[in-house]
Amino acid sequence: MSDAAAALSQAERSTTAKDALPLLSRAQEQLTRAIDEAMAAAVIEEGTSLRQVGQLASLSENAVGPRLARTARLMPYATPEGRVTRTSVERARYDAETGRPAPTPDHPIEPLRFRRRRDT
């Protein structure tokens, strides 16, 4: 989070909005990554449900699975579609409790990207 704080501090010192935007974007990316990793820790270590972490992070339940699939702790348990499900979380918890290493991901997880809607 220190990277996010540094970017915010630089953005505050910017003289124009144009200069501040890339810094604010970098801070947002860092905060998003921190939120996602905190959600992963909450579901694995604290037994919090996917629905609960979504509510705590002010996200819809449908947004939680893809974001958790990009975390270091839950990426190995993601589905080929790039989502973490309740079953994925149960397996991750079991592996963590028994001391088993996470499986090797057999499919790449693509970063979340904005997709333009069709104009039709």
N, C-alpha and C. Protein backbone atom coordinates (compact mmCIF):
# COMPACT_ATOMS: atom_id res chain seq x y z
N MET A 1 0.81 -1.19 0.00
CA MET A 1 0.00 0.00 0.00
C MET A 1 0.86 1.25 0.00
N SER A 2 2.13 1.13 0.31
CA SER A 2 2.97 2.32 0.29
C SER A 2 3.10 2.87 -1.12
N ASP A 3 3.05 1.99 -2.13
CA ASP A 3 3.09 2.46 -3.52
C ASP A 3 1.86 3.29 -3.83
N ALA A 4 0.72 2.86 -3.34
CA ALA A 4 -0.52 3.62 -3.55
C ALA A 4 -0.45 4.96 -2.85
N ALA A 5 0.07 4.96 -1.63
CA ALA A 5 0.18 6.21 -0.89
C ALA A 5 1.16 7.17 -1.58
N ALA A 6 2.25 6.63 -2.12
CA ALA A 6 3.22 7.48 -2.83
C ALA A 6 2.60 8.08 -4.08
N ALA A 7 1.83 7.26 -4.81
CA ALA A 7 1.18 7.77 -6.02
C ALA A 7 0.15 8.84 -5.68
N LEU A 8 -0.59 8.63 -4.59
CA LEU A 8 -1.57 9.65 -4.16
C LEU A 8 -0.88 10.94 -3.75
N SER A 9 0.22 10.81 -3.06
CA SER A 9 0.97 11.98 -2.64
C SER A 9 1.49 12.76 -3.84
N GLN A 10 2.01 12.06 -4.83
CA GLN A 10 2.47 12.71 -6.05
C GLN A 10 1.32 13.38 -6.79
N ALA A 11 0.17 12.72 -6.81
CA ALA A 11 -0.99 13.27 -7.50
C ALA A 11 -1.45 14.56 -6.82
N GLU A 12 -1.37 14.61 -5.51
CA GLU A 12 -1.76 15.83 -4.79
C GLU A 12 -0.85 17.00 -5.14
N ARG A 13 0.41 16.69 -5.42
CA ARG A 13 1.36 17.75 -5.76
C ARG A 13 1.32 18.14 -7.24
N SER A 14 0.56 17.38 -8.04
CA SER A 14 0.47 17.69 -9.47
C SER A 14 -0.21 19.02 -9.67
N THR A 15 0.25 19.72 -10.68
CA THR A 15 -0.32 21.04 -10.95
C THR A 15 -1.51 20.98 -11.90
N THR A 16 -1.64 19.89 -12.65
CA THR A 16 -2.78 19.77 -13.57
C THR A 16 -3.45 18.41 -13.38
N ALA A 17 -4.70 18.36 -13.74
CA ALA A 17 -5.45 17.10 -13.69
C ALA A 17 -4.84 16.08 -14.64
N LYS A 18 -4.36 16.56 -15.78
CA LYS A 18 -3.73 15.67 -16.77
C LYS A 18 -2.51 14.97 -16.17
N ASP A 19 -1.75 15.66 -15.36
CA ASP A 19 -0.58 15.05 -14.71
C ASP A 19 -0.99 14.11 -13.58
N ALA A 20 -2.10 14.43 -12.92
CA ALA A 20 -2.55 13.63 -11.78
C ALA A 20 -3.19 12.31 -12.20
N LEU A 21 -3.83 12.28 -13.35
CA LEU A 21 -4.58 11.08 -13.74
C LEU A 21 -3.76 9.79 -13.78
N PRO A 22 -2.58 9.75 -14.40
CA PRO A 22 -1.82 8.50 -14.39
C PRO A 22 -1.41 8.07 -12.98
N LEU A 23 -1.11 9.05 -12.13
CA LEU A 23 -0.74 8.73 -10.75
C LEU A 23 -1.93 8.18 -9.98
N LEU A 24 -3.08 8.76 -10.17
CA LEU A 24 -4.29 8.27 -9.51
C LEU A 24 -4.66 6.88 -10.01
N SER A 25 -4.46 6.65 -11.29
CA SER A 25 -4.73 5.33 -11.86
C SER A 25 -3.81 4.29 -11.25
N ARG A 26 -2.52 4.63 -11.08
CA ARG A 26 -1.56 3.71 -10.46
C ARG A 26 -1.96 3.41 -9.02
N ALA A 27 -2.38 4.43 -8.29
CA ALA A 27 -2.83 4.23 -6.91
C ALA A 27 -4.04 3.32 -6.87
N GLN A 28 -4.96 3.53 -7.80
CA GLN A 28 -6.17 2.70 -7.85
C GLN A 28 -5.81 1.24 -8.11
N GLU A 29 -4.88 0.99 -9.02
CA GLU A 29 -4.45 -0.38 -9.31
C GLU A 29 -3.86 -1.04 -8.07
N GLN A 30 -3.04 -0.31 -7.34
CA GLN A 30 -2.42 -0.84 -6.13
C GLN A 30 -3.48 -1.15 -5.07
N LEU A 31 -4.42 -0.26 -4.90
CA LEU A 31 -5.48 -0.48 -3.91
C LEU A 31 -6.37 -1.65 -4.31
N THR A 32 -6.68 -1.76 -5.59
CA THR A 32 -7.48 -2.89 -6.07
C THR A 32 -6.77 -4.20 -5.78
N ARG A 33 -5.47 -4.25 -6.06
CA ARG A 33 -4.70 -5.46 -5.79
C ARG A 33 -4.71 -5.79 -4.29
N ALA A 34 -4.56 -4.77 -3.45
CA ALA A 34 -4.58 -4.99 -1.99
C ALA A 34 -5.95 -5.47 -1.52
N ILE A 35 -7.01 -4.92 -2.08
CA ILE A 35 -8.37 -5.36 -1.71
C ILE A 35 -8.56 -6.81 -2.12
N ASP A 36 -8.14 -7.16 -3.32
CA ASP A 36 -8.31 -8.53 -3.80
C ASP A 36 -7.55 -9.53 -2.92
N GLU A 37 -6.32 -9.19 -2.56
CA GLU A 37 -5.53 -10.09 -1.71
C GLU A 37 -6.15 -10.19 -0.30
N ALA A 38 -6.70 -9.09 0.20
CA ALA A 38 -7.36 -9.13 1.51
C ALA A 38 -8.62 -9.99 1.44
N MET A 39 -9.35 -9.91 0.34
CA MET A 39 -10.53 -10.77 0.17
C MET A 39 -10.12 -12.24 0.15
N ALA A 40 -9.02 -12.55 -0.54
CA ALA A 40 -8.54 -13.94 -0.60
C ALA A 40 -8.17 -14.43 0.79
N ALA A 41 -7.48 -13.61 1.56
CA ALA A 41 -7.12 -14.00 2.93
C ALA A 41 -8.36 -14.21 3.78
N ALA A 42 -9.35 -13.35 3.61
CA ALA A 42 -10.58 -13.47 4.40
C ALA A 42 -11.32 -14.76 4.10
N VAL A 43 -11.40 -15.16 2.83
CA VAL A 43 -12.14 -16.39 2.53
C VAL A 43 -11.35 -17.63 2.91
N ILE A 44 -10.03 -17.59 2.80
CA ILE A 44 -9.24 -18.79 3.12
C ILE A 44 -8.99 -18.91 4.62
N GLU A 45 -8.50 -17.86 5.24
CA GLU A 45 -8.06 -17.94 6.63
C GLU A 45 -9.18 -17.71 7.64
N GLU A 46 -10.16 -16.88 7.28
CA GLU A 46 -11.18 -16.50 8.25
C GLU A 46 -12.54 -17.14 7.98
N GLY A 47 -12.65 -17.91 6.89
CA GLY A 47 -13.89 -18.59 6.60
C GLY A 47 -15.01 -17.70 6.11
N THR A 48 -14.68 -16.51 5.65
CA THR A 48 -15.69 -15.58 5.16
C THR A 48 -16.20 -16.08 3.81
N SER A 49 -17.49 -15.92 3.56
CA SER A 49 -18.07 -16.39 2.30
C SER A 49 -17.76 -15.40 1.19
N LEU A 50 -17.91 -15.87 -0.04
CA LEU A 50 -17.72 -15.00 -1.20
C LEU A 50 -18.70 -13.83 -1.16
N ARG A 51 -19.91 -14.12 -0.75
CA ARG A 51 -20.93 -13.07 -0.66
C ARG A 51 -20.54 -12.02 0.38
N GLN A 52 -20.06 -12.48 1.52
CA GLN A 52 -19.68 -11.56 2.59
C GLN A 52 -18.51 -10.67 2.20
N VAL A 53 -17.47 -11.25 1.57
CA VAL A 53 -16.34 -10.41 1.18
C VAL A 53 -16.75 -9.41 0.12
N GLY A 54 -17.67 -9.80 -0.74
CA GLY A 54 -18.18 -8.86 -1.73
C GLY A 54 -18.87 -7.69 -1.06
N GLN A 55 -19.68 -7.98 -0.07
CA GLN A 55 -20.38 -6.92 0.65
C GLN A 55 -19.39 -6.02 1.39
N LEU A 56 -18.40 -6.62 2.03
CA LEU A 56 -17.41 -5.84 2.77
C LEU A 56 -16.58 -4.93 1.86
N ALA A 57 -16.35 -5.39 0.62
CA ALA A 57 -15.57 -4.61 -0.32
C ALA A 57 -16.45 -3.75 -1.24
N SER A 58 -17.74 -3.73 -0.97
CA SER A 58 -18.71 -2.98 -1.79
C SER A 58 -18.69 -3.43 -3.24
N LEU A 59 -18.67 -4.74 -3.45
CA LEU A 59 -18.69 -5.32 -4.78
C LEU A 59 -19.91 -6.22 -4.92
N SER A 60 -20.37 -6.38 -6.14
CA SER A 60 -21.45 -7.34 -6.38
C SER A 60 -20.87 -8.75 -6.23
N GLU A 61 -21.71 -9.67 -5.90
CA GLU A 61 -21.25 -11.05 -5.71
C GLU A 61 -20.62 -11.60 -6.99
N ASN A 62 -21.12 -11.18 -8.14
CA ASN A 62 -20.58 -11.65 -9.42
C ASN A 62 -19.18 -11.10 -9.70
N ALA A 63 -18.81 -10.00 -9.08
CA ALA A 63 -17.49 -9.41 -9.32
C ALA A 63 -16.40 -10.07 -8.48
N VAL A 64 -16.77 -10.77 -7.44
CA VAL A 64 -15.79 -11.33 -6.51
C VAL A 64 -14.99 -12.47 -7.14
N GLY A 65 -15.65 -13.41 -7.77
CA GLY A 65 -14.98 -14.59 -8.34
C GLY A 65 -13.85 -14.27 -9.29
N PRO A 66 -14.08 -13.41 -10.29
CA PRO A 66 -12.98 -13.07 -11.20
C PRO A 66 -11.84 -12.32 -10.54
N ARG A 67 -12.16 -11.50 -9.56
CA ARG A 67 -11.09 -10.75 -8.88
C ARG A 67 -10.25 -11.69 -8.02
N LEU A 68 -10.89 -12.65 -7.35
CA LEU A 68 -10.13 -13.61 -6.54
C LEU A 68 -9.29 -14.53 -7.41
N ALA A 69 -9.74 -14.78 -8.63
CA ALA A 69 -8.99 -15.66 -9.54
C ALA A 69 -7.65 -15.06 -9.93
N ARG A 70 -7.47 -13.76 -9.72
CA ARG A 70 -6.23 -13.10 -10.07
C ARG A 70 -5.31 -12.90 -8.87
N THR A 71 -5.69 -13.43 -7.72
CA THR A 71 -4.85 -13.31 -6.53
C THR A 71 -3.84 -14.45 -6.49
N ALA A 72 -2.73 -14.19 -5.83
CA ALA A 72 -1.68 -15.20 -5.73
C ALA A 72 -2.18 -16.46 -5.02
N ARG A 73 -3.01 -16.28 -4.01
CA ARG A 73 -3.44 -17.43 -3.20
C ARG A 73 -4.52 -18.27 -3.85
N LEU A 74 -5.36 -17.68 -4.69
CA LEU A 74 -6.48 -18.43 -5.25
C LEU A 74 -6.38 -18.68 -6.75
N MET A 75 -5.39 -18.10 -7.42
CA MET A 75 -5.24 -18.35 -8.85
C MET A 75 -5.14 -19.84 -9.18
N PRO A 76 -4.42 -20.64 -8.39
CA PRO A 76 -4.33 -22.06 -8.72
C PRO A 76 -5.67 -22.80 -8.63
N TYR A 77 -6.65 -22.22 -7.98
CA TYR A 77 -7.93 -22.88 -7.79
C TYR A 77 -9.02 -22.34 -8.72
N ALA A 78 -8.65 -21.41 -9.59
CA ALA A 78 -9.63 -20.78 -10.49
C ALA A 78 -10.08 -21.76 -11.57
N THR A 79 -11.29 -21.56 -12.03
CA THR A 79 -11.83 -22.36 -13.12
C THR A 79 -11.19 -21.90 -14.44
N PRO A 80 -11.31 -22.70 -15.49
CA PRO A 80 -10.78 -22.26 -16.79
C PRO A 80 -11.41 -20.95 -17.29
N GLU A 81 -12.59 -20.64 -16.80
CA GLU A 81 -13.27 -19.39 -17.18
C GLU A 81 -12.72 -18.19 -16.42
N GLY A 82 -11.80 -18.42 -15.47
CA GLY A 82 -11.20 -17.32 -14.73
C GLY A 82 -12.03 -16.86 -13.55
N ARG A 83 -12.65 -17.80 -12.84
CA ARG A 83 -13.46 -17.46 -11.67
C ARG A 83 -13.07 -18.36 -10.51
N VAL A 84 -13.25 -17.86 -9.32
CA VAL A 84 -13.12 -18.66 -8.12
C VAL A 84 -14.55 -18.91 -7.63
N THR A 85 -14.86 -20.15 -7.36
CA THR A 85 -16.20 -20.54 -6.91
C THR A 85 -16.15 -20.99 -5.45
N ARG A 86 -17.32 -21.26 -4.91
CA ARG A 86 -17.40 -21.77 -3.54
C ARG A 86 -16.60 -23.07 -3.40
N THR A 87 -16.70 -23.93 -4.40
CA THR A 87 -15.96 -25.19 -4.40
C THR A 87 -14.45 -24.94 -4.43
N SER A 88 -14.03 -23.95 -5.21
CA SER A 88 -12.61 -23.59 -5.27
C SER A 88 -12.10 -23.16 -3.90
N VAL A 89 -12.91 -22.36 -3.22
CA VAL A 89 -12.53 -21.86 -1.90
C VAL A 89 -12.44 -23.02 -0.90
N GLU A 90 -13.39 -23.94 -0.96
CA GLU A 90 -13.36 -25.10 -0.06
C GLU A 90 -12.08 -25.90 -0.26
N ARG A 91 -11.68 -26.10 -1.50
CA ARG A 91 -10.45 -26.84 -1.79
C ARG A 91 -9.23 -26.08 -1.28
N ALA A 92 -9.20 -24.77 -1.48
CA ALA A 92 -8.08 -23.95 -1.02
C ALA A 92 -7.98 -23.99 0.51
N ARG A 93 -9.12 -23.93 1.18
CA ARG A 93 -9.12 -24.02 2.65
C ARG A 93 -8.59 -25.36 3.11
N TYR A 94 -9.05 -26.43 2.46
CA TYR A 94 -8.61 -27.78 2.83
C TYR A 94 -7.10 -27.90 2.64
N ASP A 95 -6.60 -27.45 1.51
CA ASP A 95 -5.16 -27.53 1.25
C ASP A 95 -4.38 -26.71 2.28
N ALA A 96 -4.89 -25.54 2.64
CA ALA A 96 -4.21 -24.69 3.63
C ALA A 96 -4.19 -25.36 5.00
N GLU A 97 -5.32 -25.97 5.38
CA GLU A 97 -5.41 -26.63 6.69
C GLU A 97 -4.51 -27.85 6.78
N THR A 98 -4.38 -28.59 5.69
CA THR A 98 -3.57 -29.81 5.72
C THR A 98 -2.11 -29.57 5.34
N GLY A 99 -1.78 -28.34 4.97
CA GLY A 99 -0.41 -28.02 4.62
C GLY A 99 0.00 -28.46 3.23
N ARG A 100 -0.96 -28.78 2.40
CA ARG A 100 -0.66 -29.18 1.03
C ARG A 100 -0.35 -27.95 0.18
N PRO A 101 0.57 -28.08 -0.75
CA PRO A 101 0.83 -26.95 -1.65
C PRO A 101 -0.32 -26.78 -2.63
N ALA A 102 -0.50 -25.57 -3.07
CA ALA A 102 -1.54 -25.30 -4.06
C ALA A 102 -1.19 -25.98 -5.36
N PRO A 103 -2.19 -26.40 -6.12
CA PRO A 103 -1.88 -27.02 -7.41
C PRO A 103 -1.28 -26.00 -8.38
N THR A 104 -0.61 -26.51 -9.37
CA THR A 104 -0.06 -25.63 -10.40
C THR A 104 -1.19 -25.23 -11.34
N PRO A 105 -1.37 -23.93 -11.60
CA PRO A 105 -2.44 -23.53 -12.52
C PRO A 105 -2.21 -24.13 -13.90
N ASP A 106 -3.27 -24.73 -14.45
CA ASP A 106 -3.13 -25.36 -15.76
C ASP A 106 -3.67 -24.49 -16.89
N HIS A 107 -4.06 -23.27 -16.56
CA HIS A 107 -4.56 -22.34 -17.57
C HIS A 107 -4.22 -20.92 -17.13
N PRO A 108 -3.87 -20.07 -18.07
CA PRO A 108 -3.53 -18.69 -17.70
C PRO A 108 -4.78 -17.91 -17.33
N ILE A 109 -4.61 -16.99 -16.39
CA ILE A 109 -5.70 -16.10 -15.99
C ILE A 109 -5.40 -14.74 -16.61
N GLU A 110 -6.28 -14.31 -17.48
CA GLU A 110 -6.09 -13.02 -18.15
C GLU A 110 -6.48 -11.89 -17.22
N PRO A 111 -5.81 -10.75 -17.31
CA PRO A 111 -6.19 -9.62 -16.48
C PRO A 111 -7.57 -9.10 -16.86
N LEU A 112 -8.25 -8.52 -15.88
CA LEU A 112 -9.55 -7.93 -16.16
C LEU A 112 -9.35 -6.73 -17.07
N ARG A 113 -10.15 -6.65 -18.09
CA ARG A 113 -10.05 -5.56 -19.05
C ARG A 113 -11.44 -5.01 -19.35
N PHE A 114 -11.47 -3.74 -19.66
CA PHE A 114 -12.71 -3.12 -20.07
C PHE A 114 -13.05 -3.61 -21.47
N ARG A 115 -14.29 -4.02 -21.65
CA ARG A 115 -14.76 -4.44 -22.97
C ARG A 115 -15.90 -3.54 -23.38
N ARG A 116 -15.74 -2.93 -24.51
CA ARG A 116 -16.75 -2.02 -25.02
C ARG A 116 -17.99 -2.81 -25.42
N ARG A 117 -19.14 -2.31 -25.07
CA ARG A 117 -20.38 -2.94 -25.51
C ARG A 117 -20.60 -2.65 -26.98
N ARG A 118 -21.30 -3.52 -27.61
CA ARG A 118 -21.62 -3.28 -29.02
C ARG A 118 -22.59 -2.12 -29.13
N ASP A 119 -22.50 -1.42 -30.23
CA ASP A 119 -23.36 -0.25 -30.45
C ASP A 119 -24.74 -0.65 -30.98
N THR A 120 -24.96 -1.91 -31.27
CA THR A 120 -26.25 -2.32 -31.83
C THR A 120 -27.28 -2.59 -30.78
